[in-house]
Amino acid sequence: MDEDTILATLVSRYENGRIYTYIGDVLVALNPFNKLPIYGKSTSARYHNSAEFHTDLPPHVYGTCENALRARGVTGSSQCLVVGGESGSGKTEAAKHLMQHILWSAGSRETGLAAKMAQ
């Protein structure tokens, strides 16, 4: 696998509306610069309740988050999710979705977290 192959795959997936791609344990996200109907409690629940989300479900920020939550449960050790990228790449939005998935997975009734993070 080389850089050209990875870039061609990312471009192809992006053009087909698939903004997330797993490369091993790393989730590559491409900012679509618009809202997509791929978030919410029902999607979060699919990833939370899936036995093998890496193979059963398409790549998603919820899947990466779920992987960390499960590792925490298995190992008992702290987990860290690193969100990186250029200015405007969608880091804040990704962090909001990660936090929302954690709250939903924990059964929290918190509803204003995204608004608080945007302030």
C-alpha atoms as a PDB file:
ATOM      1  CA  MET A   1       0.000   0.000   0.000  1.00  0.00           C
ATOM      2  CA  ASP A   2       1.435   3.359  -0.955  1.00  0.00           C
ATOM      3  CA  GLU A   3       0.369   7.009  -0.641  1.00  0.00           C
ATOM      4  CA  ASP A   4      -1.161   7.169  -4.132  1.00  0.00           C
ATOM      5  CA  THR A   5      -3.332   4.102  -3.443  1.00  0.00           C
ATOM      6  CA  ILE A   6      -4.515   5.486  -0.112  1.00  0.00           C
ATOM      7  CA  LEU A   7      -5.338   8.884  -1.622  1.00  0.00           C
ATOM      8  CA  ALA A   8      -7.186   7.335  -4.566  1.00  0.00           C
ATOM      9  CA  THR A   9      -9.226   5.188  -2.177  1.00  0.00           C
ATOM     10  CA  LEU A  10     -10.062   8.168   0.028  1.00  0.00           C
ATOM     11  CA  VAL A  11     -11.129  10.261  -2.992  1.00  0.00           C
ATOM     12  CA  SER A  12     -13.308   7.439  -4.317  1.00  0.00           C
ATOM     13  CA  ARG A  13     -14.976   6.867  -0.939  1.00  0.00           C
ATOM     14  CA  TYR A  14     -15.523  10.616  -0.426  1.00  0.00           C
ATOM     15  CA  GLU A  15     -17.122  10.963  -3.861  1.00  0.00           C
ATOM     16  CA  ASN A  16     -19.532   8.187  -2.849  1.00  0.00           C
ATOM     17  CA  GLY A  17     -20.483   9.943   0.399  1.00  0.00           C
ATOM     18  CA  ARG A  18     -18.346   7.740   2.629  1.00  0.00           C
ATOM     19  CA  ILE A  19     -16.328  10.231   4.655  1.00  0.00           C
ATOM     20  CA  TYR A  20     -14.853   7.672   7.074  1.00  0.00           C
ATOM     21  CA  THR A  21     -12.198   5.068   6.270  1.00  0.00           C
ATOM     22  CA  TYR A  22     -10.355   2.722   8.618  1.00  0.00           C
ATOM     23  CA  ILE A  23      -6.649   2.255   8.042  1.00  0.00           C
ATOM     24  CA  GLY A  24      -5.878  -0.324  10.698  1.00  0.00           C
ATOM     25  CA  ASP A  25      -6.976   1.147  14.021  1.00  0.00           C
ATOM     26  CA  VAL A  26      -6.864   4.680  12.621  1.00  0.00           C
ATOM     27  CA  LEU A  27     -10.044   6.356  11.394  1.00  0.00           C
ATOM     28  CA  VAL A  28      -9.480   8.819   8.562  1.00  0.00           C
ATOM     29  CA  ALA A  29     -12.295  11.355   8.271  1.00  0.00           C
ATOM     30  CA  LEU A  30     -12.778  13.755   5.388  1.00  0.00           C
ATOM     31  CA  ASN A  31     -14.838  16.855   6.168  1.00  0.00           C
ATOM     32  CA  PRO A  32     -17.878  16.959   3.850  1.00  0.00           C
ATOM     33  CA  PHE A  33     -18.521  20.628   4.772  1.00  0.00           C
ATOM     34  CA  ASN A  34     -22.214  19.896   5.210  1.00  0.00           C
ATOM     35  CA  LYS A  35     -24.473  17.964   7.563  1.00  0.00           C
ATOM     36  CA  LEU A  36     -24.904  14.274   6.894  1.00  0.00           C
ATOM     37  CA  PRO A  37     -27.686  11.992   8.157  1.00  0.00           C
ATOM     38  CA  ILE A  38     -25.204   9.515   9.656  1.00  0.00           C
ATOM     39  CA  TYR A  39     -25.339  10.651  13.284  1.00  0.00           C
ATOM     40  CA  GLY A  40     -27.833  10.369  16.102  1.00  0.00           C
ATOM     41  CA  LYS A  41     -28.997   8.038  18.839  1.00  0.00           C
ATOM     42  CA  SER A  42     -30.120   5.257  16.526  1.00  0.00           C
ATOM     43  CA  THR A  43     -26.773   5.159  14.681  1.00  0.00           C
ATOM     44  CA  SER A  44     -24.912   5.385  17.991  1.00  0.00           C
ATOM     45  CA  ALA A  45     -26.940   2.440  19.321  1.00  0.00           C
ATOM     46  CA  ARG A  46     -26.067   0.341  16.257  1.00  0.00           C
ATOM     47  CA  TYR A  47     -22.359   0.751  16.978  1.00  0.00           C
ATOM     48  CA  HIS A  48     -22.809   0.309  20.723  1.00  0.00           C
ATOM     49  CA  ASN A  49     -24.793  -2.917  20.288  1.00  0.00           C
ATOM     50  CA  SER A  50     -22.784  -4.447  17.443  1.00  0.00           C
ATOM     51  CA  ALA A  51     -20.577  -7.379  18.329  1.00  0.00           C
ATOM     52  CA  GLU A  52     -18.097  -6.698  15.527  1.00  0.00           C
ATOM     53  CA  PHE A  53     -18.588  -3.116  14.373  1.00  0.00           C
ATOM     54  CA  HIS A  54     -15.287  -3.093  12.447  1.00  0.00           C
ATOM     55  CA  THR A  55     -16.656  -5.703  10.063  1.00  0.00           C
ATOM     56  CA  ASP A  56     -20.443  -5.459  10.485  1.00  0.00           C
ATOM     57  CA  LEU A  57     -20.813  -1.703  10.120  1.00  0.00           C
ATOM     58  CA  PRO A  58     -19.213   0.942   7.894  1.00  0.00           C
ATOM     59  CA  PRO A  59     -16.324   3.010   9.272  1.00  0.00           C
ATOM     60  CA  HIS A  60     -17.620   5.721  11.599  1.00  0.00           C
ATOM     61  CA  VAL A  61     -16.458   7.965  14.420  1.00  0.00           C
ATOM     62  CA  TYR A  62     -18.874   6.035  16.688  1.00  0.00           C
ATOM     63  CA  GLY A  63     -17.027   2.809  15.849  1.00  0.00           C
ATOM     64  CA  THR A  64     -13.690   4.289  16.842  1.00  0.00           C
ATOM     65  CA  CYS A  65     -15.205   5.591  20.055  1.00  0.00           C
ATOM     66  CA  GLU A  66     -16.806   2.217  20.763  1.00  0.00           C
ATOM     67  CA  ASN A  67     -13.446   0.505  20.262  1.00  0.00           C
ATOM     68  CA  ALA A  68     -11.927   2.703  22.995  1.00  0.00           C
ATOM     69  CA  LEU A  69     -14.900   2.137  25.314  1.00  0.00           C
ATOM     70  CA  ARG A  70     -14.635  -1.632  24.899  1.00  0.00           C
ATOM     71  CA  ALA A  71     -10.871  -1.586  25.431  1.00  0.00           C
ATOM     72  CA  ARG A  72     -11.470   0.363  28.640  1.00  0.00           C
ATOM     73  CA  GLY A  73     -13.928  -2.290  29.798  1.00  0.00           C
ATOM     74  CA  VAL A  74     -11.618  -5.188  28.925  1.00  0.00           C
ATOM     75  CA  THR A  75      -8.313  -3.817  30.179  1.00  0.00           C
ATOM     76  CA  GLY A  76      -9.523  -1.418  32.848  1.00  0.00           C
ATOM     77  CA  SER A  77      -6.926   1.051  31.625  1.00  0.00           C
ATOM     78  CA  SER A  78      -7.537   4.599  30.487  1.00  0.00           C
ATOM     79  CA  GLN A  79      -8.059   5.186  26.785  1.00  0.00           C
ATOM     80  CA  CYS A  80      -7.276   8.191  24.629  1.00  0.00           C
ATOM     81  CA  LEU A  81      -8.734   9.305  21.321  1.00  0.00           C
ATOM     82  CA  VAL A  82      -6.583  11.752  19.373  1.00  0.00           C
ATOM     83  CA  VAL A  83      -8.359  14.048  16.921  1.00  0.00           C
ATOM     84  CA  GLY A  84      -5.958  15.848  14.622  1.00  0.00           C
ATOM     85  CA  GLY A  85      -6.032  17.767  11.383  1.00  0.00           C
ATOM     86  CA  GLU A  86      -5.677  21.080   9.654  1.00  0.00           C
ATOM     87  CA  SER A  87      -7.794  24.121  10.417  1.00  0.00           C
ATOM     88  CA  GLY A  88     -11.304  23.512   9.096  1.00  0.00           C
ATOM     89  CA  SER A  89     -10.859  19.758   8.871  1.00  0.00           C
ATOM     90  CA  GLY A  90     -13.735  19.014  11.255  1.00  0.00           C
ATOM     91  CA  LYS A  91     -11.899  18.296  14.509  1.00  0.00           C
ATOM     92  CA  THR A  92     -14.465  20.095  16.680  1.00  0.00           C
ATOM     93  CA  GLU A  93     -17.382  18.299  15.009  1.00  0.00           C
ATOM     94  CA  ALA A  94     -15.635  14.937  15.385  1.00  0.00           C
ATOM     95  CA  ALA A  95     -15.005  15.639  19.087  1.00  0.00           C
ATOM     96  CA  LYS A  96     -18.683  16.539  19.562  1.00  0.00           C
ATOM     97  CA  HIS A  97     -19.764  13.249  17.977  1.00  0.00           C
ATOM     98  CA  LEU A  98     -17.274  11.304  20.105  1.00  0.00           C
ATOM     99  CA  MET A  99     -18.533  12.911  23.303  1.00  0.00           C
ATOM    100  CA  GLN A 100     -22.164  12.412  22.329  1.00  0.00           C
ATOM    101  CA  HIS A 101     -21.562   8.711  21.666  1.00  0.00           C
ATOM    102  CA  ILE A 102     -19.885   8.311  25.057  1.00  0.00           C
ATOM    103  CA  LEU A 103     -22.812  10.014  26.785  1.00  0.00           C
ATOM    104  CA  TRP A 104     -25.424   7.951  24.920  1.00  0.00           C
ATOM    105  CA  SER A 105     -23.480   4.734  25.588  1.00  0.00           C
ATOM    106  CA  ALA A 106     -23.404   5.572  29.288  1.00  0.00           C
ATOM    107  CA  GLY A 107     -27.142   6.230  29.321  1.00  0.00           C
ATOM    108  CA  SER A 108     -26.713   9.919  30.095  1.00  0.00           C
ATOM    109  CA  ARG A 109     -29.625  12.285  29.669  1.00  0.00           C
ATOM    110  CA  GLU A 110     -27.248  15.190  28.851  1.00  0.00           C
ATOM    111  CA  THR A 111     -28.620  16.956  25.802  1.00  0.00           C
ATOM    112  CA  GLY A 112     -26.751  20.255  25.668  1.00  0.00           C
ATOM    113  CA  LEU A 113     -23.153  19.051  25.382  1.00  0.00           C
ATOM    114  CA  ALA A 114     -22.738  19.943  21.696  1.00  0.00           C
ATOM    115  CA  ALA A 115     -24.047  23.447  22.368  1.00  0.00           C
ATOM    116  CA  LYS A 116     -21.690  23.828  25.333  1.00  0.00           C
ATOM    117  CA  MET A 117     -18.711  22.678  23.260  1.00  0.00           C
ATOM    118  CA  ALA A 118     -19.531  25.130  20.462  1.00  0.00           C
ATOM    119  CA  GLN A 119     -19.354  28.103  22.828  1.00  0.00           C
END
